[in-house]
Amino acid sequence: MPARRQLPCKEMSVHYANGESTIALARRYHCSPTTIAAALRRCGAVLRRARFRSAPVPEEALRELYLHQRLQVGQIAAHFGVSPSTIGNKRRAYGIATRPRSM
């Protein structure tokens, strides 16, 4: 396993506090944004909220559209203004089984 990179805590924390993103810091220090986030946490920095927020897709509405109305995932995604992968993720999170393919 590779050794943990030593990143400059104070310098990184100042850049982050001044609004620089973990992506920009990753480019600056030649590592991944995940490495930067972990290093900032170790340095005691409180990370900002992620840019993406959980999409509101109510379970009952998803069940109705997917199981009862049998809409396609793309149609359901358009209805909620999210991506088809978000609908798939929500379906799995709610424990909604995949419909059998119709012939």
N, C-alpha and C. Protein backbone atom coordinates (compact mmCIF):
# COMPACT_ATOMS: atom_id res chain seq x y z
N MET A 1 0.85 -1.18 0.00
CA MET A 1 0.00 0.00 0.00
C MET A 1 0.89 1.24 0.00
N PRO A 2 0.60 2.22 -0.87
CA PRO A 2 1.43 3.42 -0.93
C PRO A 2 1.31 4.25 0.35
N ALA A 3 2.38 4.95 0.65
CA ALA A 3 2.39 5.81 1.83
C ALA A 3 1.46 7.00 1.62
N ARG A 4 0.88 7.49 2.71
CA ARG A 4 -0.02 8.65 2.65
C ARG A 4 0.79 9.88 2.26
N ARG A 5 0.27 10.66 1.33
CA ARG A 5 0.94 11.89 0.91
C ARG A 5 0.88 12.93 2.02
N GLN A 6 1.97 13.62 2.19
CA GLN A 6 2.02 14.72 3.14
C GLN A 6 1.65 16.00 2.39
N LEU A 7 0.50 16.53 2.70
CA LEU A 7 0.04 17.75 2.06
C LEU A 7 0.08 18.89 3.07
N PRO A 8 0.38 20.10 2.62
CA PRO A 8 0.50 21.25 3.53
C PRO A 8 -0.85 21.69 4.10
N CYS A 9 -1.11 21.31 5.34
CA CYS A 9 -2.40 21.57 5.98
C CYS A 9 -2.80 23.05 5.95
N LYS A 10 -1.94 23.89 6.48
CA LYS A 10 -2.31 25.30 6.60
C LYS A 10 -2.56 25.94 5.24
N GLU A 11 -1.67 25.69 4.32
CA GLU A 11 -1.78 26.27 2.98
C GLU A 11 -3.06 25.79 2.30
N MET A 12 -3.29 24.49 2.35
CA MET A 12 -4.48 23.90 1.74
C MET A 12 -5.75 24.46 2.38
N SER A 13 -5.75 24.52 3.70
CA SER A 13 -6.92 25.01 4.43
C SER A 13 -7.25 26.45 4.08
N VAL A 14 -6.21 27.27 3.91
CA VAL A 14 -6.42 28.68 3.54
C VAL A 14 -7.05 28.77 2.15
N HIS A 15 -6.50 28.02 1.20
CA HIS A 15 -7.07 28.03 -0.16
C HIS A 15 -8.52 27.56 -0.15
N TYR A 16 -8.79 26.50 0.62
CA TYR A 16 -10.16 25.96 0.68
C TYR A 16 -11.10 26.98 1.34
N ALA A 17 -10.65 27.58 2.42
CA ALA A 17 -11.47 28.58 3.13
C ALA A 17 -11.75 29.79 2.24
N ASN A 18 -10.85 30.08 1.31
CA ASN A 18 -11.04 31.20 0.38
C ASN A 18 -11.88 30.82 -0.83
N GLY A 19 -12.47 29.62 -0.80
CA GLY A 19 -13.41 29.24 -1.84
C GLY A 19 -12.90 28.30 -2.90
N GLU A 20 -11.63 27.93 -2.83
CA GLU A 20 -11.09 27.01 -3.83
C GLU A 20 -11.72 25.62 -3.61
N SER A 21 -12.06 24.95 -4.67
CA SER A 21 -12.72 23.65 -4.57
C SER A 21 -11.70 22.52 -4.34
N THR A 22 -12.22 21.38 -3.93
CA THR A 22 -11.34 20.22 -3.77
C THR A 22 -10.78 19.80 -5.13
N ILE A 23 -11.53 20.03 -6.19
CA ILE A 23 -11.04 19.70 -7.54
C ILE A 23 -9.87 20.59 -7.90
N ALA A 24 -10.00 21.89 -7.66
CA ALA A 24 -8.91 22.83 -7.95
C ALA A 24 -7.68 22.51 -7.10
N LEU A 25 -7.92 22.19 -5.83
CA LEU A 25 -6.79 21.84 -4.96
C LEU A 25 -6.12 20.54 -5.41
N ALA A 26 -6.91 19.60 -5.90
CA ALA A 26 -6.35 18.34 -6.40
C ALA A 26 -5.43 18.61 -7.60
N ARG A 27 -5.85 19.51 -8.46
CA ARG A 27 -4.98 19.87 -9.60
C ARG A 27 -3.69 20.53 -9.10
N ARG A 28 -3.83 21.41 -8.12
CA ARG A 28 -2.67 22.12 -7.58
C ARG A 28 -1.65 21.16 -6.95
N TYR A 29 -2.16 20.17 -6.20
CA TYR A 29 -1.27 19.26 -5.47
C TYR A 29 -1.09 17.90 -6.15
N HIS A 30 -1.60 17.77 -7.37
CA HIS A 30 -1.40 16.57 -8.19
C HIS A 30 -1.88 15.29 -7.49
N CYS A 31 -3.13 15.32 -7.06
CA CYS A 31 -3.74 14.14 -6.45
C CYS A 31 -5.24 14.20 -6.71
N SER A 32 -5.99 13.29 -6.13
CA SER A 32 -7.44 13.26 -6.39
C SER A 32 -8.20 14.18 -5.43
N PRO A 33 -9.40 14.61 -5.82
CA PRO A 33 -10.24 15.40 -4.92
C PRO A 33 -10.57 14.65 -3.62
N THR A 34 -10.67 13.33 -3.71
CA THR A 34 -10.94 12.52 -2.52
C THR A 34 -9.78 12.61 -1.54
N THR A 35 -8.55 12.57 -2.07
CA THR A 35 -7.36 12.71 -1.22
C THR A 35 -7.36 14.08 -0.55
N ILE A 36 -7.72 15.11 -1.30
CA ILE A 36 -7.77 16.47 -0.74
C ILE A 36 -8.81 16.54 0.36
N ALA A 37 -9.99 16.00 0.12
CA ALA A 37 -11.06 16.05 1.13
C ALA A 37 -10.62 15.33 2.40
N ALA A 38 -10.00 14.17 2.26
CA ALA A 38 -9.53 13.43 3.44
C ALA A 38 -8.47 14.22 4.19
N ALA A 39 -7.56 14.84 3.44
CA ALA A 39 -6.50 15.63 4.07
C ALA A 39 -7.08 16.84 4.79
N LEU A 40 -8.04 17.50 4.17
CA LEU A 40 -8.67 18.66 4.83
C LEU A 40 -9.37 18.24 6.12
N ARG A 41 -10.03 17.09 6.10
CA ARG A 41 -10.69 16.60 7.33
C ARG A 41 -9.64 16.33 8.41
N ARG A 42 -8.53 15.69 8.03
CA ARG A 42 -7.46 15.43 9.01
C ARG A 42 -6.90 16.73 9.57
N CYS A 43 -6.91 17.78 8.76
CA CYS A 43 -6.40 19.09 9.19
C CYS A 43 -7.41 19.84 10.05
N GLY A 44 -8.62 19.28 10.18
CA GLY A 44 -9.63 19.92 11.01
C GLY A 44 -10.57 20.84 10.27
N ALA A 45 -10.47 20.88 8.95
CA ALA A 45 -11.36 21.75 8.16
C ALA A 45 -12.75 21.12 8.09
N VAL A 46 -13.76 21.96 8.11
CA VAL A 46 -15.14 21.51 7.92
C VAL A 46 -15.44 21.68 6.44
N LEU A 47 -15.76 20.58 5.78
CA LEU A 47 -16.00 20.64 4.34
C LEU A 47 -17.37 21.23 4.02
N ARG A 48 -17.40 21.96 2.92
CA ARG A 48 -18.65 22.55 2.45
C ARG A 48 -19.56 21.44 1.95
N ARG A 49 -20.85 21.75 1.86
CA ARG A 49 -21.81 20.79 1.31
C ARG A 49 -21.46 20.51 -0.14
N ALA A 50 -21.78 19.30 -0.55
CA ALA A 50 -21.55 18.92 -1.94
C ALA A 50 -22.40 19.77 -2.85
N ARG A 51 -21.98 19.90 -4.06
CA ARG A 51 -22.69 20.70 -5.05
C ARG A 51 -24.04 20.08 -5.39
N PHE A 52 -24.10 18.75 -5.34
CA PHE A 52 -25.33 18.06 -5.71
C PHE A 52 -26.12 17.72 -4.46
N ARG A 53 -27.39 17.96 -4.51
CA ARG A 53 -28.27 17.63 -3.39
C ARG A 53 -29.16 16.48 -3.80
N SER A 54 -29.60 15.74 -2.83
CA SER A 54 -30.47 14.61 -3.09
C SER A 54 -31.75 15.08 -3.77
N ALA A 55 -32.11 14.40 -4.84
CA ALA A 55 -33.31 14.78 -5.59
C ALA A 55 -34.56 14.28 -4.88
N PRO A 56 -35.57 15.12 -4.76
CA PRO A 56 -36.81 14.69 -4.12
C PRO A 56 -37.64 13.81 -5.06
N VAL A 57 -37.59 12.51 -4.82
CA VAL A 57 -38.39 11.55 -5.58
C VAL A 57 -39.16 10.74 -4.54
N PRO A 58 -40.40 11.12 -4.26
CA PRO A 58 -41.18 10.41 -3.24
C PRO A 58 -41.40 8.95 -3.60
N GLU A 59 -41.25 8.09 -2.60
CA GLU A 59 -41.36 6.65 -2.81
C GLU A 59 -42.71 6.25 -3.41
N GLU A 60 -43.79 6.76 -2.86
CA GLU A 60 -45.11 6.36 -3.34
C GLU A 60 -45.33 6.80 -4.79
N ALA A 61 -44.87 7.99 -5.13
CA ALA A 61 -45.01 8.46 -6.51
C ALA A 61 -44.19 7.60 -7.47
N LEU A 62 -42.97 7.23 -7.04
CA LEU A 62 -42.14 6.38 -7.88
C LEU A 62 -42.79 5.01 -8.07
N ARG A 63 -43.31 4.44 -6.99
CA ARG A 63 -44.00 3.15 -7.09
C ARG A 63 -45.19 3.23 -8.06
N GLU A 64 -45.95 4.30 -7.96
CA GLU A 64 -47.11 4.47 -8.84
C GLU A 64 -46.69 4.54 -10.30
N LEU A 65 -45.73 5.39 -10.59
CA LEU A 65 -45.31 5.59 -11.98
C LEU A 65 -44.61 4.37 -12.55
N TYR A 66 -43.79 3.72 -11.74
CA TYR A 66 -42.98 2.60 -12.22
C TYR A 66 -43.77 1.29 -12.26
N LEU A 67 -44.48 0.98 -11.18
CA LEU A 67 -45.15 -0.31 -11.09
C LEU A 67 -46.57 -0.31 -11.65
N HIS A 68 -47.32 0.74 -11.39
CA HIS A 68 -48.73 0.74 -11.78
C HIS A 68 -48.96 1.36 -13.16
N GLN A 69 -48.36 2.53 -13.39
CA GLN A 69 -48.51 3.14 -14.71
C GLN A 69 -47.52 2.57 -15.72
N ARG A 70 -46.49 1.87 -15.23
CA ARG A 70 -45.48 1.20 -16.05
C ARG A 70 -44.78 2.14 -17.03
N LEU A 71 -44.51 3.36 -16.57
CA LEU A 71 -43.78 4.31 -17.41
C LEU A 71 -42.32 3.85 -17.53
N GLN A 72 -41.68 4.25 -18.61
CA GLN A 72 -40.26 3.96 -18.79
C GLN A 72 -39.46 4.83 -17.82
N VAL A 73 -38.29 4.33 -17.46
CA VAL A 73 -37.44 5.05 -16.50
C VAL A 73 -37.13 6.45 -17.00
N GLY A 74 -36.88 6.60 -18.30
CA GLY A 74 -36.61 7.93 -18.87
C GLY A 74 -37.78 8.88 -18.72
N GLN A 75 -38.99 8.35 -18.86
CA GLN A 75 -40.19 9.18 -18.69
C GLN A 75 -40.35 9.60 -17.23
N ILE A 76 -40.07 8.68 -16.32
CA ILE A 76 -40.17 9.00 -14.89
C ILE A 76 -39.13 10.05 -14.54
N ALA A 77 -37.93 9.88 -15.07
CA ALA A 77 -36.85 10.85 -14.81
C ALA A 77 -37.25 12.24 -15.29
N ALA A 78 -37.82 12.32 -16.48
CA ALA A 78 -38.26 13.61 -17.01
C ALA A 78 -39.36 14.21 -16.13
N HIS A 79 -40.24 13.37 -15.63
CA HIS A 79 -41.33 13.84 -14.75
C HIS A 79 -40.77 14.53 -13.51
N PHE A 80 -39.71 13.96 -12.92
CA PHE A 80 -39.12 14.52 -11.70
C PHE A 80 -37.98 15.50 -11.98
N GLY A 81 -37.56 15.62 -13.24
CA GLY A 81 -36.46 16.52 -13.58
C GLY A 81 -35.11 16.02 -13.10
N VAL A 82 -34.92 14.69 -13.15
CA VAL A 82 -33.66 14.08 -12.72
C VAL A 82 -33.18 13.15 -13.83
N SER A 83 -32.02 12.54 -13.63
CA SER A 83 -31.49 11.61 -14.62
C SER A 83 -32.09 10.22 -14.43
N PRO A 84 -32.07 9.41 -15.48
CA PRO A 84 -32.55 8.03 -15.34
C PRO A 84 -31.77 7.24 -14.28
N SER A 85 -30.48 7.52 -14.13
CA SER A 85 -29.71 6.80 -13.10
C SER A 85 -30.18 7.16 -11.70
N THR A 86 -30.65 8.39 -11.50
CA THR A 86 -31.20 8.77 -10.20
C THR A 86 -32.45 7.97 -9.90
N ILE A 87 -33.29 7.76 -10.92
CA ILE A 87 -34.50 6.96 -10.72
C ILE A 87 -34.11 5.52 -10.38
N GLY A 88 -33.12 4.98 -11.07
CA GLY A 88 -32.65 3.63 -10.74
C GLY A 88 -32.12 3.53 -9.33
N ASN A 89 -31.37 4.54 -8.91
CA ASN A 89 -30.82 4.55 -7.54
C ASN A 89 -31.94 4.63 -6.50
N LYS A 90 -32.92 5.49 -6.76
CA LYS A 90 -34.05 5.62 -5.82
C LYS A 90 -34.87 4.33 -5.78
N ARG A 91 -35.08 3.71 -6.95
CA ARG A 91 -35.84 2.46 -7.00
C ARG A 91 -35.17 1.40 -6.13
N ARG A 92 -33.86 1.27 -6.26
CA ARG A 92 -33.13 0.29 -5.44
C ARG A 92 -33.17 0.66 -3.97
N ALA A 93 -33.01 1.94 -3.67
CA ALA A 93 -33.03 2.39 -2.26
C ALA A 93 -34.38 2.11 -1.60
N TYR A 94 -35.46 2.21 -2.37
CA TYR A 94 -36.79 1.97 -1.84
C TYR A 94 -37.17 0.49 -1.88
N GLY A 95 -36.29 -0.36 -2.41
CA GLY A 95 -36.55 -1.78 -2.48
C GLY A 95 -37.62 -2.16 -3.50
N ILE A 96 -37.72 -1.36 -4.55
CA ILE A 96 -38.69 -1.65 -5.63
C ILE A 96 -38.01 -2.57 -6.62
N ALA A 97 -38.58 -3.75 -6.81
CA ALA A 97 -37.99 -4.75 -7.70
C ALA A 97 -38.06 -4.29 -9.16
N THR A 98 -37.11 -4.74 -9.95
CA THR A 98 -37.11 -4.46 -11.38
C THR A 98 -38.28 -5.18 -12.03
N ARG A 99 -38.96 -4.47 -12.91
CA ARG A 99 -40.08 -5.09 -13.63
C ARG A 99 -39.54 -6.10 -14.62
N PRO A 100 -40.30 -7.18 -14.87
CA PRO A 100 -39.88 -8.11 -15.92
C PRO A 100 -40.02 -7.43 -17.27
N ARG A 101 -39.13 -7.78 -18.17
CA ARG A 101 -39.20 -7.20 -19.53
C ARG A 101 -40.42 -7.76 -20.24
N SER A 102 -41.13 -6.89 -20.93
CA SER A 102 -42.30 -7.36 -21.68
C SER A 102 -41.83 -7.80 -23.07
N MET A 103 -42.49 -8.79 -23.57
CA MET A 103 -42.12 -9.36 -24.88
C MET A 103 -42.92 -8.73 -25.97
